[in-house]
Amino acid sequence: MVPINKKLHKNTNHKLSIQISLSGLSFCILDSDKKVITSLKQIEFDKKLNPLEVLDYLKETFRVDQALNQSFSSVCVLHTNELSTLVSKDLFDENALADYLKFNSKILKTDFIAYDTINDMVNVYVPYVNINNFVYDTFGAFTYKHFSTVLLENILFMEKKGKSTMVYVHVGLNHFEIVVVDQGKLILYNTFEYHNKEDFIYYILFTYEQLELNPEQHQLLLLGDLSKDSDLYHICYKYVRHVDFGAPPNNYKFTEEPSQNHSDFVILNSF
């Protein structure tokens, strides 16, 4: 039975984006007419949860958060996990989705597998189906993507006229992603779990070494959950000469300014 849609209305100018991970949730509301972010919230869990526990947390958040209990013209869900892989569009076969994932991700036979298209690549991934079902029951039709799709789309957009090799590191809760782009072309994308600053810098320097990049020459741009006061920034600055923060390509205003422009890169660029 198709649920009665009470909250998704095209005559409103508010859009909602939700980023889901097993370590936390993020919510962003955009007034698309005024290009103003009216709400931007992050919830970090005390420990890594399972998808059923995350769903319970999400339901409770919708119950108590008044900002989420309004009409939206569109809703987007971003699935954040390591269960994804990139495939060349020339080699992609929609009937072989599980084969692309099974060599580098632990998947079950019952897992639903989806994919996004990024230029000449296809991002194959496992979404949280229980989360999608709840959002559909709540809002009706919505869109969903893997968070790395938004990350890669926006970095490639920023670097489309690039003349050099750039290394981007996006920091999340207990994980980070490395994106290397050379003259606008994607060279590498990978994701790593880390537990301390030593893990963090090890994977970065290992990437530099494997791609024969020079830490004295090739710039490192940081995005996500870190600041100049963090241990992660200081250890990067110790081993890489040119370290800076990436600037988000959006041009939104905020009812409440975020502490750092680079912190919510993915969700702010998901609309």
C-alpha atoms as a PDB file:
ATOM      1  CA  MET A   1       0.000   0.000   0.000  1.00  0.00           C
ATOM      2  CA  VAL A   2       1.360   3.451  -0.903  1.00  0.00           C
ATOM      3  CA  PRO A   3       1.642   5.633   2.234  1.00  0.00           C
ATOM      4  CA  ILE A   4      -0.337   8.854   2.428  1.00  0.00           C
ATOM      5  CA  ASN A   5       2.105  11.680   1.857  1.00  0.00           C
ATOM      6  CA  LYS A   6       1.567  14.478   4.331  1.00  0.00           C
ATOM      7  CA  LYS A   7       4.958  16.170   4.438  1.00  0.00           C
ATOM      8  CA  LEU A   8       6.398  16.355   0.903  1.00  0.00           C
ATOM      9  CA  HIS A   9       4.938  19.318  -0.965  1.00  0.00           C
ATOM     10  CA  LYS A  10       6.284  21.037  -4.060  1.00  0.00           C
ATOM     11  CA  ASN A  11       4.852  24.406  -3.012  1.00  0.00           C
ATOM     12  CA  THR A  12       7.348  24.818  -0.173  1.00  0.00           C
ATOM     13  CA  ASN A  13      10.857  26.158  -0.651  1.00  0.00           C
ATOM     14  CA  HIS A  14      12.486  24.047   2.064  1.00  0.00           C
ATOM     15  CA  LYS A  15      14.660  21.047   1.202  1.00  0.00           C
ATOM     16  CA  LEU A  16      15.950  18.436   3.637  1.00  0.00           C
ATOM     17  CA  SER A  17      19.168  16.418   3.464  1.00  0.00           C
ATOM     18  CA  ILE A  18      19.967  13.665   5.962  1.00  0.00           C
ATOM     19  CA  GLN A  19      23.369  12.012   6.292  1.00  0.00           C
ATOM     20  CA  ILE A  20      23.279   8.558   7.888  1.00  0.00           C
ATOM     21  CA  SER A  21      26.172   6.618   9.375  1.00  0.00           C
ATOM     22  CA  LEU A  22      26.559   4.029  12.125  1.00  0.00           C
ATOM     23  CA  SER A  23      28.510   6.637  14.121  1.00  0.00           C
ATOM     24  CA  GLY A  24      26.154   9.590  13.846  1.00  0.00           C
ATOM     25  CA  LEU A  25      23.529  11.605  11.973  1.00  0.00           C
ATOM     26  CA  SER A  26      23.507  14.988  10.256  1.00  0.00           C
ATOM     27  CA  PHE A  27      20.525  17.082   9.172  1.00  0.00           C
ATOM     28  CA  CYS A  28      20.516  20.095   6.879  1.00  0.00           C
ATOM     29  CA  ILE A  29      17.561  22.241   5.806  1.00  0.00           C
ATOM     30  CA  LEU A  30      17.870  24.654   2.883  1.00  0.00           C
ATOM     31  CA  ASP A  31      15.554  27.533   2.017  1.00  0.00           C
ATOM     32  CA  SER A  32      16.115  27.195  -1.724  1.00  0.00           C
ATOM     33  CA  ASP A  33      14.516  30.540  -2.665  1.00  0.00           C
ATOM     34  CA  LYS A  34      16.727  32.567  -0.345  1.00  0.00           C
ATOM     35  CA  LYS A  35      19.712  30.166  -0.565  1.00  0.00           C
ATOM     36  CA  VAL A  36      19.855  30.107   3.226  1.00  0.00           C
ATOM     37  CA  ILE A  37      20.724  27.117   5.399  1.00  0.00           C
ATOM     38  CA  THR A  38      18.110  27.408   8.125  1.00  0.00           C
ATOM     39  CA  SER A  39      19.183  24.359  10.136  1.00  0.00           C
ATOM     40  CA  LEU A  40      22.415  22.354  10.310  1.00  0.00           C
ATOM     41  CA  LYS A  41      22.743  19.757  13.062  1.00  0.00           C
ATOM     42  CA  GLN A  42      25.066  16.860  13.844  1.00  0.00           C
ATOM     43  CA  ILE A  43      24.483  14.023  16.300  1.00  0.00           C
ATOM     44  CA  GLU A  44      27.437  11.846  17.300  1.00  0.00           C
ATOM     45  CA  PHE A  45      26.676   8.494  18.920  1.00  0.00           C
ATOM     46  CA  ASP A  46      28.597   7.319  21.983  1.00  0.00           C
ATOM     47  CA  LYS A  47      29.525   4.139  20.121  1.00  0.00           C
ATOM     48  CA  LYS A  48      29.108   2.619  16.695  1.00  0.00           C
ATOM     49  CA  LEU A  49      25.534   1.335  16.326  1.00  0.00           C
ATOM     50  CA  ASN A  50      23.900  -1.184  14.037  1.00  0.00           C
ATOM     51  CA  PRO A  51      21.353  -0.111  11.372  1.00  0.00           C
ATOM     52  CA  LEU A  52      18.365  -1.049  13.559  1.00  0.00           C
ATOM     53  CA  GLU A  53      19.657   1.097  16.428  1.00  0.00           C
ATOM     54  CA  VAL A  54      20.345   3.967  14.040  1.00  0.00           C
ATOM     55  CA  LEU A  55      16.765   3.759  12.794  1.00  0.00           C
ATOM     56  CA  ASP A  56      15.437   3.982  16.359  1.00  0.00           C
ATOM     57  CA  TYR A  57      17.608   7.043  16.939  1.00  0.00           C
ATOM     58  CA  LEU A  58      16.418   8.609  13.683  1.00  0.00           C
ATOM     59  CA  LYS A  59      12.752   8.030  14.560  1.00  0.00           C
ATOM     60  CA  GLU A  60      13.228   9.608  17.972  1.00  0.00           C
ATOM     61  CA  THR A  61      15.012  12.599  16.435  1.00  0.00           C
ATOM     62  CA  PHE A  62      12.100  13.186  14.060  1.00  0.00           C
ATOM     63  CA  ARG A  63       9.689  12.894  16.973  1.00  0.00           C
ATOM     64  CA  VAL A  64      11.356  15.565  19.133  1.00  0.00           C
ATOM     65  CA  ASP A  65      12.971  17.940  16.600  1.00  0.00           C
ATOM     66  CA  GLN A  66      10.422  20.518  15.495  1.00  0.00           C
ATOM     67  CA  ALA A  67      12.520  21.682  12.541  1.00  0.00           C
ATOM     68  CA  LEU A  68      12.156  18.256  10.947  1.00  0.00           C
ATOM     69  CA  ASN A  69       8.388  18.219  11.372  1.00  0.00           C
ATOM     70  CA  GLN A  70       7.500  20.488   8.475  1.00  0.00           C
ATOM     71  CA  SER A  71       6.815  20.165   4.766  1.00  0.00           C
ATOM     72  CA  PHE A  72       9.725  19.792   2.344  1.00  0.00           C
ATOM     73  CA  SER A  73       9.825  20.094  -1.422  1.00  0.00           C
ATOM     74  CA  SER A  74      12.494  17.384  -1.589  1.00  0.00           C
ATOM     75  CA  VAL A  75      14.321  14.999   0.718  1.00  0.00           C
ATOM     76  CA  CYS A  76      17.748  13.458   0.122  1.00  0.00           C
ATOM     77  CA  VAL A  77      19.380  10.691   2.170  1.00  0.00           C
ATOM     78  CA  LEU A  78      23.157  10.216   2.109  1.00  0.00           C
ATOM     79  CA  HIS A  79      24.384   6.773   3.127  1.00  0.00           C
ATOM     80  CA  THR A  80      27.801   6.860   4.786  1.00  0.00           C
ATOM     81  CA  ASN A  81      29.610   3.526   4.966  1.00  0.00           C
ATOM     82  CA  GLU A  82      32.608   1.690   3.528  1.00  0.00           C
ATOM     83  CA  LEU A  83      30.411  -0.625   1.422  1.00  0.00           C
ATOM     84  CA  SER A  84      31.071   1.017  -1.930  1.00  0.00           C
ATOM     85  CA  THR A  85      33.332   0.717  -4.926  1.00  0.00           C
ATOM     86  CA  LEU A  86      33.914   2.621  -8.175  1.00  0.00           C
ATOM     87  CA  VAL A  87      33.521   0.958 -11.553  1.00  0.00           C
ATOM     88  CA  SER A  88      34.321   2.370 -14.986  1.00  0.00           C
ATOM     89  CA  LYS A  89      31.107   3.072 -16.889  1.00  0.00           C
ATOM     90  CA  ASP A  90      32.559   1.209 -19.893  1.00  0.00           C
ATOM     91  CA  LEU A  91      32.888  -1.976 -17.815  1.00  0.00           C
ATOM     92  CA  PHE A  92      29.724  -1.618 -15.755  1.00  0.00           C
ATOM     93  CA  ASP A  93      27.089  -4.366 -15.852  1.00  0.00           C
ATOM     94  CA  GLU A  94      23.932  -3.775 -13.807  1.00  0.00           C
ATOM     95  CA  ASN A  95      23.553  -7.548 -13.383  1.00  0.00           C
ATOM     96  CA  ALA A  96      26.937  -7.865 -11.634  1.00  0.00           C
ATOM     97  CA  LEU A  97      26.518  -5.433  -8.733  1.00  0.00           C
ATOM     98  CA  ALA A  98      27.386  -7.943  -6.019  1.00  0.00           C
ATOM     99  CA  ASP A  99      30.504  -9.044  -7.909  1.00  0.00           C
ATOM    100  CA  TYR A 100      31.912  -5.520  -7.804  1.00  0.00           C
ATOM    101  CA  LEU A 101      31.515  -5.302  -4.027  1.00  0.00           C
ATOM    102  CA  LYS A 102      32.310  -8.788  -2.756  1.00  0.00           C
ATOM    103  CA  PHE A 103      36.081  -8.535  -3.172  1.00  0.00           C
ATOM    104  CA  ASN A 104      36.580  -5.498  -0.944  1.00  0.00           C
ATOM    105  CA  SER A 105      33.443  -5.390   1.241  1.00  0.00           C
ATOM    106  CA  LYS A 106      31.656  -7.823   3.507  1.00  0.00           C
ATOM    107  CA  ILE A 107      28.179  -8.131   2.018  1.00  0.00           C
ATOM    108  CA  LEU A 108      25.311 -10.552   2.587  1.00  0.00           C
ATOM    109  CA  LYS A 109      23.298 -12.352  -0.080  1.00  0.00           C
ATOM    110  CA  THR A 110      20.247 -10.466   1.155  1.00  0.00           C
ATOM    111  CA  ASP A 111      21.840  -7.013   0.864  1.00  0.00           C
ATOM    112  CA  PHE A 112      20.160  -4.600  -1.531  1.00  0.00           C
ATOM    113  CA  ILE A 113      22.762  -2.996  -3.802  1.00  0.00           C
ATOM    114  CA  ALA A 114      22.339   0.380  -5.510  1.00  0.00           C
ATOM    115  CA  TYR A 115      24.509   2.584  -7.694  1.00  0.00           C
ATOM    116  CA  ASP A 116      25.086   6.241  -8.594  1.00  0.00           C
ATOM    117  CA  THR A 117      26.670   7.638 -11.742  1.00  0.00           C
ATOM    118  CA  ILE A 118      29.592  10.091 -11.508  1.00  0.00           C
ATOM    119  CA  ASN A 119      30.814  11.316 -14.910  1.00  0.00           C
ATOM    120  CA  ASP A 120      32.374   8.236 -16.537  1.00  0.00           C
ATOM    121  CA  MET A 121      32.215   6.150 -13.335  1.00  0.00           C
ATOM    122  CA  VAL A 122      29.577   4.194 -11.448  1.00  0.00           C
ATOM    123  CA  ASN A 123      29.557   4.118  -7.650  1.00  0.00           C
ATOM    124  CA  VAL A 124      28.189   0.741  -6.479  1.00  0.00           C
ATOM    125  CA  TYR A 125      27.143   0.576  -2.815  1.00  0.00           C
ATOM    126  CA  VAL A 126      24.898  -0.905  -0.123  1.00  0.00           C
ATOM    127  CA  PRO A 127      22.370   1.602   1.288  1.00  0.00           C
ATOM    128  CA  TYR A 128      20.640   1.226   4.649  1.00  0.00           C
ATOM    129  CA  VAL A 129      17.331  -0.147   3.379  1.00  0.00           C
ATOM    130  CA  ASN A 130      15.544   0.200   6.728  1.00  0.00           C
ATOM    131  CA  ILE A 131      16.401   3.916   6.754  1.00  0.00           C
ATOM    132  CA  ASN A 132      15.118   4.316   3.192  1.00  0.00           C
ATOM    133  CA  ASN A 133      11.870   2.568   4.100  1.00  0.00           C
ATOM    134  CA  PHE A 134      11.301   4.888   7.060  1.00  0.00           C
ATOM    135  CA  VAL A 135      11.980   8.010   4.992  1.00  0.00           C
ATOM    136  CA  TYR A 136       9.624   6.776   2.265  1.00  0.00           C
ATOM    137  CA  ASP A 137       6.906   6.045   4.798  1.00  0.00           C
ATOM    138  CA  THR A 138       7.402   9.532   6.252  1.00  0.00           C
ATOM    139  CA  PHE A 139       7.765  11.646   3.106  1.00  0.00           C
ATOM    140  CA  GLY A 140       6.928   9.541   0.090  1.00  0.00           C
ATOM    141  CA  ALA A 141       9.240   9.826  -2.924  1.00  0.00           C
ATOM    142  CA  PHE A 142      12.808  10.922  -2.114  1.00  0.00           C
ATOM    143  CA  THR A 143      16.324  10.565  -3.485  1.00  0.00           C
ATOM    144  CA  TYR A 144      19.280   8.780  -1.947  1.00  0.00           C
ATOM    145  CA  LYS A 145      22.986   8.555  -2.732  1.00  0.00           C
ATOM    146  CA  HIS A 146      26.179   7.258  -1.266  1.00  0.00           C
ATOM    147  CA  PHE A 147      27.957  10.113   0.491  1.00  0.00           C
ATOM    148  CA  SER A 148      31.121   9.487  -1.556  1.00  0.00           C
ATOM    149  CA  THR A 149      29.140  10.277  -4.711  1.00  0.00           C
ATOM    150  CA  VAL A 150      28.543  13.827  -3.461  1.00  0.00           C
ATOM    151  CA  LEU A 151      32.139  14.110  -2.225  1.00  0.00           C
ATOM    152  CA  LEU A 152      33.616  13.051  -5.557  1.00  0.00           C
ATOM    153  CA  GLU A 153      31.173  15.056  -7.700  1.00  0.00           C
ATOM    154  CA  ASN A 154      32.056  18.276  -5.912  1.00  0.00           C
ATOM    155  CA  ILE A 155      35.812  17.740  -5.781  1.00  0.00           C
ATOM    156  CA  LEU A 156      35.873  16.890  -9.482  1.00  0.00           C
ATOM    157  CA  PHE A 157      33.783  19.995 -10.179  1.00  0.00           C
ATOM    158  CA  MET A 158      36.231  22.179  -8.238  1.00  0.00           C
ATOM    159  CA  GLU A 159      39.196  20.590 -10.014  1.00  0.00           C
ATOM    160  CA  LYS A 160      37.777  20.426 -13.539  1.00  0.00           C
ATOM    161  CA  LYS A 161      40.176  23.136 -14.715  1.00  0.00           C
ATOM    162  CA  GLY A 162      43.001  22.075 -12.407  1.00  0.00           C
ATOM    163  CA  LYS A 163      46.553  22.098 -13.751  1.00  0.00           C
ATOM    164  CA  SER A 164      48.260  20.080 -11.003  1.00  0.00           C
ATOM    165  CA  THR A 165      47.875  17.083  -8.707  1.00  0.00           C
ATOM    166  CA  MET A 166      45.770  17.733  -5.604  1.00  0.00           C
ATOM    167  CA  VAL A 167      45.269  15.484  -2.585  1.00  0.00           C
ATOM    168  CA  TYR A 168      41.988  15.887  -0.672  1.00  0.00           C
ATOM    169  CA  VAL A 169      41.325  14.279   2.703  1.00  0.00           C
ATOM    170  CA  HIS A 170      37.758  14.283   4.031  1.00  0.00           C
ATOM    171  CA  VAL A 171      37.554  13.510   7.766  1.00  0.00           C
ATOM    172  CA  GLY A 172      34.466  11.864   9.274  1.00  0.00           C
ATOM    173  CA  LEU A 173      33.688  10.091  12.539  1.00  0.00           C
ATOM    174  CA  ASN A 174      36.338   7.357  12.890  1.00  0.00           C
ATOM    175  CA  HIS A 175      36.983   7.261   9.152  1.00  0.00           C
ATOM    176  CA  PHE A 176      38.404   9.447   6.407  1.00  0.00           C
ATOM    177  CA  GLU A 177      38.513   9.465   2.620  1.00  0.00           C
ATOM    178  CA  ILE A 178      41.417  10.287   0.331  1.00  0.00           C
ATOM    179  CA  VAL A 179      40.723  11.691  -3.130  1.00  0.00           C
ATOM    180  CA  VAL A 180      43.590  12.388  -5.517  1.00  0.00           C
ATOM    181  CA  VAL A 181      42.913  14.387  -8.675  1.00  0.00           C
ATOM    182  CA  ASP A 182      45.420  15.166 -11.409  1.00  0.00           C
ATOM    183  CA  GLN A 183      44.513  17.916 -13.890  1.00  0.00           C
ATOM    184  CA  GLY A 184      40.823  17.342 -13.280  1.00  0.00           C
ATOM    185  CA  LYS A 185      40.981  13.530 -13.560  1.00  0.00           C
ATOM    186  CA  LEU A 186      40.354  11.185 -10.643  1.00  0.00           C
ATOM    187  CA  ILE A 187      43.485   9.186  -9.830  1.00  0.00           C
ATOM    188  CA  LEU A 188      42.477   7.566  -6.539  1.00  0.00           C
ATOM    189  CA  TYR A 189      39.613   7.303  -4.085  1.00  0.00           C
ATOM    190  CA  ASN A 190      39.848   5.256  -0.901  1.00  0.00           C
ATOM    191  CA  THR A 191      38.400   5.211   2.602  1.00  0.00           C
ATOM    192  CA  PHE A 192      40.145   4.256   5.849  1.00  0.00           C
ATOM    193  CA  GLU A 193      39.202   3.726   9.464  1.00  0.00           C
ATOM    194  CA  TYR A 194      41.492   5.374  12.005  1.00  0.00           C
ATOM    195  CA  HIS A 195      41.776   5.334  15.785  1.00  0.00           C
ATOM    196  CA  ASN A 196      44.507   7.907  16.390  1.00  0.00           C
ATOM    197  CA  LYS A 197      46.587  10.551  14.636  1.00  0.00           C
ATOM    198  CA  GLU A 198      49.319   8.014  13.836  1.00  0.00           C
ATOM    199  CA  ASP A 199      46.858   5.875  11.850  1.00  0.00           C
ATOM    200  CA  PHE A 200      45.665   9.008  10.100  1.00  0.00           C
ATOM    201  CA  ILE A 201      49.038  10.241   8.879  1.00  0.00           C
ATOM    202  CA  TYR A 202      50.264   6.726   8.052  1.00  0.00           C
ATOM    203  CA  TYR A 203      47.558   6.211   5.415  1.00  0.00           C
ATOM    204  CA  ILE A 204      48.080   9.682   3.983  1.00  0.00           C
ATOM    205  CA  LEU A 205      51.850   9.281   3.635  1.00  0.00           C
ATOM    206  CA  PHE A 206      51.398   5.751   2.293  1.00  0.00           C
ATOM    207  CA  THR A 207      49.141   7.172  -0.430  1.00  0.00           C
ATOM    208  CA  TYR A 208      51.734   9.817  -1.271  1.00  0.00           C
ATOM    209  CA  GLU A 209      54.386   7.115  -1.511  1.00  0.00           C
ATOM    210  CA  GLN A 210      52.346   4.708  -3.646  1.00  0.00           C
ATOM    211  CA  LEU A 211      51.401   7.451  -6.119  1.00  0.00           C
ATOM    212  CA  GLU A 212      54.955   8.819  -6.106  1.00  0.00           C
ATOM    213  CA  LEU A 213      53.806  12.198  -4.823  1.00  0.00           C
ATOM    214  CA  ASN A 214      56.177  14.488  -2.965  1.00  0.00           C
ATOM    215  CA  PRO A 215      54.963  15.714   0.477  1.00  0.00           C
ATOM    216  CA  GLU A 216      57.229  18.717  -0.035  1.00  0.00           C
ATOM    217  CA  GLN A 217      55.466  19.731  -3.234  1.00  0.00           C
ATOM    218  CA  HIS A 218      51.966  18.297  -3.613  1.00  0.00           C
ATOM    219  CA  GLN A 219      49.306  20.175  -1.646  1.00  0.00           C
ATOM    220  CA  LEU A 220      47.007  18.504   0.873  1.00  0.00           C
ATOM    221  CA  LEU A 221      43.514  19.971   1.243  1.00  0.00           C
ATOM    222  CA  LEU A 222      41.457  19.016   4.299  1.00  0.00           C
ATOM    223  CA  LEU A 223      37.680  18.778   4.527  1.00  0.00           C
ATOM    224  CA  GLY A 224      35.294  17.596   7.212  1.00  0.00           C
ATOM    225  CA  ASP A 225      35.523  17.183  10.947  1.00  0.00           C
ATOM    226  CA  LEU A 226      38.790  18.864  11.978  1.00  0.00           C
ATOM    227  CA  SER A 227      40.233  22.301  12.698  1.00  0.00           C
ATOM    228  CA  LYS A 228      43.642  23.976  12.938  1.00  0.00           C
ATOM    229  CA  ASP A 229      43.633  23.145  16.645  1.00  0.00           C
ATOM    230  CA  SER A 230      43.198  19.412  16.111  1.00  0.00           C
ATOM    231  CA  ASP A 231      45.943  16.809  16.445  1.00  0.00           C
ATOM    232  CA  LEU A 232      45.098  15.581  12.943  1.00  0.00           C
ATOM    233  CA  TYR A 233      45.872  18.961  11.422  1.00  0.00           C
ATOM    234  CA  HIS A 234      49.115  19.346  13.368  1.00  0.00           C
ATOM    235  CA  ILE A 235      50.451  15.949  12.355  1.00  0.00           C
ATOM    236  CA  CYS A 236      49.602  16.647   8.703  1.00  0.00           C
ATOM    237  CA  TYR A 237      51.425  19.966   8.908  1.00  0.00           C
ATOM    238  CA  LYS A 238      54.429  18.177  10.393  1.00  0.00           C
ATOM    239  CA  TYR A 239      54.873  15.815   7.452  1.00  0.00           C
ATOM    240  CA  VAL A 240      53.320  17.661   4.479  1.00  0.00           C
ATOM    241  CA  ARG A 241      54.630  21.104   3.583  1.00  0.00           C
ATOM    242  CA  HIS A 242      51.523  22.584   1.958  1.00  0.00           C
ATOM    243  CA  VAL A 243      48.404  21.920   4.052  1.00  0.00           C
ATOM    244  CA  ASP A 244      45.199  23.952   3.777  1.00  0.00           C
ATOM    245  CA  PHE A 245      41.431  23.598   4.118  1.00  0.00           C
ATOM    246  CA  GLY A 246      39.235  23.102   1.075  1.00  0.00           C
ATOM    247  CA  ALA A 247      36.490  25.646   0.414  1.00  0.00           C
ATOM    248  CA  PRO A 248      32.965  24.354  -0.278  1.00  0.00           C
ATOM    249  CA  PRO A 249      31.644  25.279  -3.756  1.00  0.00           C
ATOM    250  CA  ASN A 250      28.195  26.292  -2.478  1.00  0.00           C
ATOM    251  CA  ASN A 251      27.190  29.937  -2.019  1.00  0.00           C
ATOM    252  CA  TYR A 252      24.699  29.573   0.817  1.00  0.00           C
ATOM    253  CA  LYS A 253      24.108  31.940   3.692  1.00  0.00           C
ATOM    254  CA  PHE A 254      23.398  30.654   7.188  1.00  0.00           C
ATOM    255  CA  THR A 255      20.958  31.639   9.890  1.00  0.00           C
ATOM    256  CA  GLU A 256      23.659  30.415  12.269  1.00  0.00           C
ATOM    257  CA  GLU A 257      27.192  30.470  10.899  1.00  0.00           C
ATOM    258  CA  PRO A 258      29.065  27.125  11.173  1.00  0.00           C
ATOM    259  CA  SER A 259      32.317  27.181  13.117  1.00  0.00           C
ATOM    260  CA  GLN A 260      34.253  26.159   9.969  1.00  0.00           C
ATOM    261  CA  ASN A 261      33.322  26.352   6.294  1.00  0.00           C
ATOM    262  CA  HIS A 262      34.855  22.981   5.447  1.00  0.00           C
ATOM    263  CA  SER A 263      33.245  20.940   8.240  1.00  0.00           C
ATOM    264  CA  ASP A 264      29.981  19.916   6.579  1.00  0.00           C
ATOM    265  CA  PHE A 265      31.243  19.714   3.009  1.00  0.00           C
ATOM    266  CA  VAL A 266      29.216  16.710   1.880  1.00  0.00           C
ATOM    267  CA  ILE A 267      25.783  17.482   3.284  1.00  0.00           C
ATOM    268  CA  LEU A 268      25.969  21.178   2.307  1.00  0.00           C
ATOM    269  CA  ASN A 269      26.703  20.187  -1.277  1.00  0.00           C
ATOM    270  CA  SER A 270      24.026  17.496  -1.506  1.00  0.00           C
ATOM    271  CA  PHE A 271      21.156  19.738  -2.650  1.00  0.00           C
END
